Amino acid sequence: MKIVIAGAGIGGLTAGAALLRQGFDVTILEQAKALGEIGAGVQLSPNATRVLYRIGVGKRLEGLACEPPGKRVRLWNSGQTWPLFDLGAASREVFG
């Protein structure tokens, strides 16, 4: 079966890699002339990271990824901050 995926973002490329591993004939279409860095960074949730490990590319992240210990959210209109969200070992215990 031939599958066409529109977009070579992280979702399209991950879907393409997973489908290729299942034996599908995959074509990924992207409107940009070249793939490059667009933003400052990408945050991957535990669910997304789990998928990347499942399709065999998770280990590659370990040497490249930055794992911040937490994240603080600041509301744009008031400057109010929410309590620090733990993103380290405690999150890994809960989410894997």
N, C-alpha and C. Protein backbone atom coordinates (compact mmCIF):
# COMPACT_ATOMS: atom_id res chain seq x y z
N MET A 1 0.85 -1.17 0.00
CA MET A 1 0.00 0.00 0.00
C MET A 1 0.90 1.24 0.00
N LYS A 2 0.53 2.23 -0.80
CA LYS A 2 1.27 3.49 -0.86
C LYS A 2 0.56 4.52 0.01
N ILE A 3 1.34 5.21 0.84
CA ILE A 3 0.79 6.23 1.73
C ILE A 3 1.53 7.53 1.48
N VAL A 4 0.77 8.63 1.35
CA VAL A 4 1.34 9.96 1.18
C VAL A 4 1.07 10.76 2.45
N ILE A 5 2.13 11.38 2.98
CA ILE A 5 2.02 12.19 4.19
C ILE A 5 2.31 13.63 3.81
N ALA A 6 1.43 14.55 4.20
CA ALA A 6 1.63 15.97 3.92
C ALA A 6 2.31 16.61 5.12
N GLY A 7 3.56 17.04 4.93
CA GLY A 7 4.29 17.75 5.97
C GLY A 7 5.42 16.94 6.56
N ALA A 8 6.61 17.55 6.55
CA ALA A 8 7.80 16.89 7.08
C ALA A 8 8.18 17.46 8.44
N GLY A 9 7.16 17.80 9.23
CA GLY A 9 7.42 18.20 10.61
C GLY A 9 7.66 16.96 11.45
N ILE A 10 7.75 17.13 12.75
CA ILE A 10 8.05 15.98 13.60
C ILE A 10 6.96 14.91 13.51
N GLY A 11 5.71 15.34 13.38
CA GLY A 11 4.62 14.37 13.27
C GLY A 11 4.66 13.60 11.96
N GLY A 12 4.86 14.31 10.85
CA GLY A 12 4.92 13.65 9.55
C GLY A 12 6.11 12.71 9.42
N LEU A 13 7.27 13.15 9.88
CA LEU A 13 8.46 12.31 9.80
C LEU A 13 8.35 11.09 10.72
N THR A 14 7.77 11.27 11.90
CA THR A 14 7.60 10.14 12.81
C THR A 14 6.61 9.14 12.24
N ALA A 15 5.49 9.64 11.71
CA ALA A 15 4.51 8.74 11.09
C ALA A 15 5.14 8.00 9.91
N GLY A 16 5.91 8.72 9.10
CA GLY A 16 6.57 8.10 7.96
C GLY A 16 7.53 7.00 8.38
N ALA A 17 8.34 7.27 9.41
CA ALA A 17 9.29 6.26 9.89
C ALA A 17 8.56 5.03 10.43
N ALA A 18 7.49 5.25 11.19
CA ALA A 18 6.73 4.13 11.74
C ALA A 18 6.09 3.29 10.64
N LEU A 19 5.54 3.96 9.64
CA LEU A 19 4.89 3.23 8.54
C LEU A 19 5.90 2.49 7.67
N LEU A 20 7.06 3.08 7.44
CA LEU A 20 8.13 2.39 6.70
C LEU A 20 8.52 1.10 7.41
N ARG A 21 8.63 1.16 8.73
CA ARG A 21 9.01 -0.03 9.51
C ARG A 21 7.95 -1.12 9.43
N GLN A 22 6.72 -0.73 9.10
CA GLN A 22 5.64 -1.70 8.94
C GLN A 22 5.55 -2.22 7.51
N GLY A 23 6.43 -1.74 6.63
CA GLY A 23 6.47 -2.24 5.26
C GLY A 23 5.66 -1.45 4.25
N PHE A 24 5.14 -0.29 4.63
CA PHE A 24 4.37 0.52 3.69
C PHE A 24 5.30 1.32 2.78
N ASP A 25 4.82 1.65 1.60
CA ASP A 25 5.53 2.52 0.66
C ASP A 25 5.10 3.95 0.99
N VAL A 26 6.02 4.74 1.56
CA VAL A 26 5.67 6.06 2.10
C VAL A 26 6.34 7.17 1.30
N THR A 27 5.56 8.20 0.97
CA THR A 27 6.08 9.43 0.38
C THR A 27 5.68 10.57 1.30
N ILE A 28 6.66 11.41 1.66
CA ILE A 28 6.38 12.57 2.50
C ILE A 28 6.53 13.82 1.64
N LEU A 29 5.49 14.64 1.58
CA LEU A 29 5.51 15.88 0.82
C LEU A 29 5.69 17.05 1.78
N GLU A 30 6.54 18.00 1.38
CA GLU A 30 6.80 19.18 2.21
C GLU A 30 6.84 20.39 1.31
N GLN A 31 6.16 21.46 1.69
CA GLN A 31 6.12 22.66 0.86
C GLN A 31 7.40 23.48 0.92
N ALA A 32 8.16 23.39 2.01
CA ALA A 32 9.41 24.14 2.12
C ALA A 32 10.45 23.56 1.16
N LYS A 33 11.27 24.44 0.59
CA LYS A 33 12.31 23.99 -0.35
C LYS A 33 13.40 23.18 0.35
N ALA A 34 13.65 23.48 1.63
CA ALA A 34 14.66 22.75 2.40
C ALA A 34 14.21 22.66 3.85
N LEU A 35 14.62 21.61 4.51
CA LEU A 35 14.32 21.47 5.93
C LEU A 35 15.43 22.13 6.72
N GLY A 36 15.06 22.90 7.70
CA GLY A 36 16.05 23.59 8.52
C GLY A 36 15.46 23.94 9.86
N GLU A 37 16.25 24.61 10.66
CA GLU A 37 15.80 25.02 11.98
C GLU A 37 14.86 26.21 11.85
N ILE A 38 13.67 26.09 12.40
CA ILE A 38 12.69 27.17 12.30
C ILE A 38 12.56 27.91 13.63
N GLY A 39 12.53 27.19 14.71
CA GLY A 39 12.34 27.82 16.02
C GLY A 39 13.52 27.59 16.92
N ALA A 40 13.35 27.98 18.16
CA ALA A 40 14.44 27.86 19.12
C ALA A 40 14.57 26.45 19.67
N GLY A 41 13.49 25.71 19.68
CA GLY A 41 13.57 24.36 20.23
C GLY A 41 12.24 23.64 20.12
N VAL A 42 12.27 22.37 20.41
CA VAL A 42 11.08 21.54 20.38
C VAL A 42 10.99 20.81 21.71
N GLN A 43 9.83 20.88 22.33
CA GLN A 43 9.61 20.14 23.57
C GLN A 43 8.83 18.88 23.23
N LEU A 44 9.34 17.75 23.66
CA LEU A 44 8.66 16.48 23.41
C LEU A 44 8.05 15.98 24.72
N SER A 45 6.77 15.68 24.66
CA SER A 45 6.08 15.16 25.84
C SER A 45 6.52 13.71 26.08
N PRO A 46 6.25 13.19 27.27
CA PRO A 46 6.57 11.78 27.52
C PRO A 46 5.91 10.84 26.51
N ASN A 47 4.67 11.13 26.11
CA ASN A 47 4.00 10.28 25.12
C ASN A 47 4.73 10.30 23.79
N ALA A 48 5.16 11.47 23.34
CA ALA A 48 5.88 11.58 22.07
C ALA A 48 7.22 10.87 22.16
N THR A 49 7.91 11.03 23.27
CA THR A 49 9.20 10.38 23.45
C THR A 49 9.05 8.86 23.42
N ARG A 50 8.00 8.36 24.04
CA ARG A 50 7.73 6.92 24.05
C ARG A 50 7.56 6.40 22.62
N VAL A 51 6.86 7.15 21.78
CA VAL A 51 6.67 6.74 20.38
C VAL A 51 8.01 6.71 19.65
N LEU A 52 8.85 7.71 19.88
CA LEU A 52 10.15 7.74 19.21
C LEU A 52 11.02 6.55 19.62
N TYR A 53 10.96 6.14 20.87
CA TYR A 53 11.68 4.93 21.30
C TYR A 53 11.09 3.70 20.62
N ARG A 54 9.77 3.65 20.52
CA ARG A 54 9.11 2.49 19.93
C ARG A 54 9.50 2.30 18.46
N ILE A 55 9.71 3.39 17.73
CA ILE A 55 10.07 3.24 16.31
C ILE A 55 11.58 3.20 16.10
N GLY A 56 12.34 3.18 17.20
CA GLY A 56 13.77 2.95 17.10
C GLY A 56 14.67 4.17 17.00
N VAL A 57 14.15 5.37 17.24
CA VAL A 57 15.01 6.56 17.14
C VAL A 57 15.20 7.27 18.48
N GLY A 58 14.61 6.76 19.53
CA GLY A 58 14.71 7.40 20.84
C GLY A 58 16.12 7.49 21.38
N LYS A 59 16.92 6.46 21.19
CA LYS A 59 18.30 6.46 21.70
C LYS A 59 19.11 7.60 21.10
N ARG A 60 18.81 7.97 19.86
CA ARG A 60 19.54 9.07 19.21
C ARG A 60 19.31 10.40 19.92
N LEU A 61 18.18 10.54 20.59
CA LEU A 61 17.87 11.78 21.30
C LEU A 61 18.74 11.97 22.53
N GLU A 62 19.17 10.88 23.13
CA GLU A 62 19.84 10.96 24.43
C GLU A 62 21.10 11.83 24.39
N GLY A 63 21.85 11.80 23.31
CA GLY A 63 23.05 12.62 23.23
C GLY A 63 22.78 14.03 22.73
N LEU A 64 21.59 14.26 22.19
CA LEU A 64 21.27 15.55 21.59
C LEU A 64 20.34 16.40 22.45
N ALA A 65 19.52 15.75 23.23
CA ALA A 65 18.46 16.45 23.95
C ALA A 65 18.97 17.14 25.21
N CYS A 66 18.31 18.22 25.53
CA CYS A 66 18.53 18.92 26.80
C CYS A 66 17.35 18.56 27.69
N GLU A 67 17.62 18.11 28.87
CA GLU A 67 16.53 17.73 29.77
C GLU A 67 16.48 18.70 30.94
N PRO A 68 15.64 19.75 30.81
CA PRO A 68 15.55 20.73 31.90
C PRO A 68 14.90 20.10 33.13
N PRO A 69 15.28 20.54 34.31
CA PRO A 69 14.70 19.96 35.53
C PRO A 69 13.24 20.38 35.75
N GLY A 70 12.83 21.48 35.15
CA GLY A 70 11.46 21.94 35.34
C GLY A 70 11.13 23.07 34.39
N LYS A 71 9.90 23.52 34.47
CA LYS A 71 9.46 24.62 33.60
C LYS A 71 8.55 25.53 34.41
N ARG A 72 8.70 26.80 34.18
CA ARG A 72 7.85 27.79 34.85
C ARG A 72 7.00 28.48 33.78
N VAL A 73 5.72 28.61 34.05
CA VAL A 73 4.79 29.26 33.13
C VAL A 73 4.49 30.65 33.66
N ARG A 74 4.64 31.65 32.78
CA ARG A 74 4.33 33.04 33.14
C ARG A 74 3.19 33.51 32.23
N LEU A 75 2.14 34.06 32.83
CA LEU A 75 1.01 34.56 32.06
C LEU A 75 1.41 35.87 31.38
N TRP A 76 1.17 35.97 30.09
CA TRP A 76 1.61 37.11 29.30
C TRP A 76 0.97 38.42 29.74
N ASN A 77 -0.31 38.36 30.13
CA ASN A 77 -1.03 39.60 30.40
C ASN A 77 -0.87 40.14 31.82
N SER A 78 -0.46 39.28 32.76
CA SER A 78 -0.33 39.75 34.14
C SER A 78 1.08 39.57 34.71
N GLY A 79 1.87 38.74 34.07
CA GLY A 79 3.19 38.44 34.60
C GLY A 79 3.17 37.44 35.73
N GLN A 80 1.97 37.02 36.14
CA GLN A 80 1.83 36.03 37.21
C GLN A 80 2.50 34.72 36.78
N THR A 81 3.18 34.06 37.72
CA THR A 81 3.80 32.77 37.41
C THR A 81 3.08 31.65 38.15
N TRP A 82 3.04 30.51 37.51
CA TRP A 82 2.49 29.31 38.12
C TRP A 82 3.61 28.57 38.83
N PRO A 83 3.28 27.67 39.73
CA PRO A 83 4.33 26.89 40.40
C PRO A 83 5.17 26.13 39.37
N LEU A 84 6.41 25.88 39.73
CA LEU A 84 7.34 25.16 38.86
C LEU A 84 6.81 23.76 38.56
N PHE A 85 6.78 23.41 37.26
CA PHE A 85 6.42 22.05 36.85
C PHE A 85 7.69 21.22 36.84
N ASP A 86 7.71 20.12 37.57
CA ASP A 86 8.88 19.24 37.58
C ASP A 86 8.93 18.45 36.28
N LEU A 87 10.05 18.50 35.60
CA LEU A 87 10.23 17.76 34.35
C LEU A 87 11.34 16.72 34.45
N GLY A 88 11.89 16.53 35.63
CA GLY A 88 13.02 15.63 35.79
C GLY A 88 12.61 14.23 36.20
N ALA A 89 13.32 13.70 37.18
CA ALA A 89 13.14 12.32 37.61
C ALA A 89 11.72 12.02 38.07
N ALA A 90 11.08 12.95 38.77
CA ALA A 90 9.72 12.71 39.25
C ALA A 90 8.75 12.52 38.08
N SER A 91 8.89 13.33 37.04
CA SER A 91 8.04 13.17 35.86
C SER A 91 8.32 11.86 35.15
N ARG A 92 9.59 11.49 35.08
CA ARG A 92 9.96 10.24 34.42
C ARG A 92 9.34 9.04 35.16
N GLU A 93 9.29 9.11 36.50
CA GLU A 93 8.67 8.03 37.27
C GLU A 93 7.18 7.91 36.96
N VAL A 94 6.51 9.04 36.79
CA VAL A 94 5.07 9.05 36.54
C VAL A 94 4.75 8.67 35.09
N PHE A 95 5.47 9.28 34.14
CA PHE A 95 5.12 9.17 32.73
C PHE A 95 6.01 8.22 31.93
N GLY A 96 7.12 7.84 32.47
CA GLY A 96 8.03 6.94 31.74
C GLY A 96 9.05 7.65 30.90
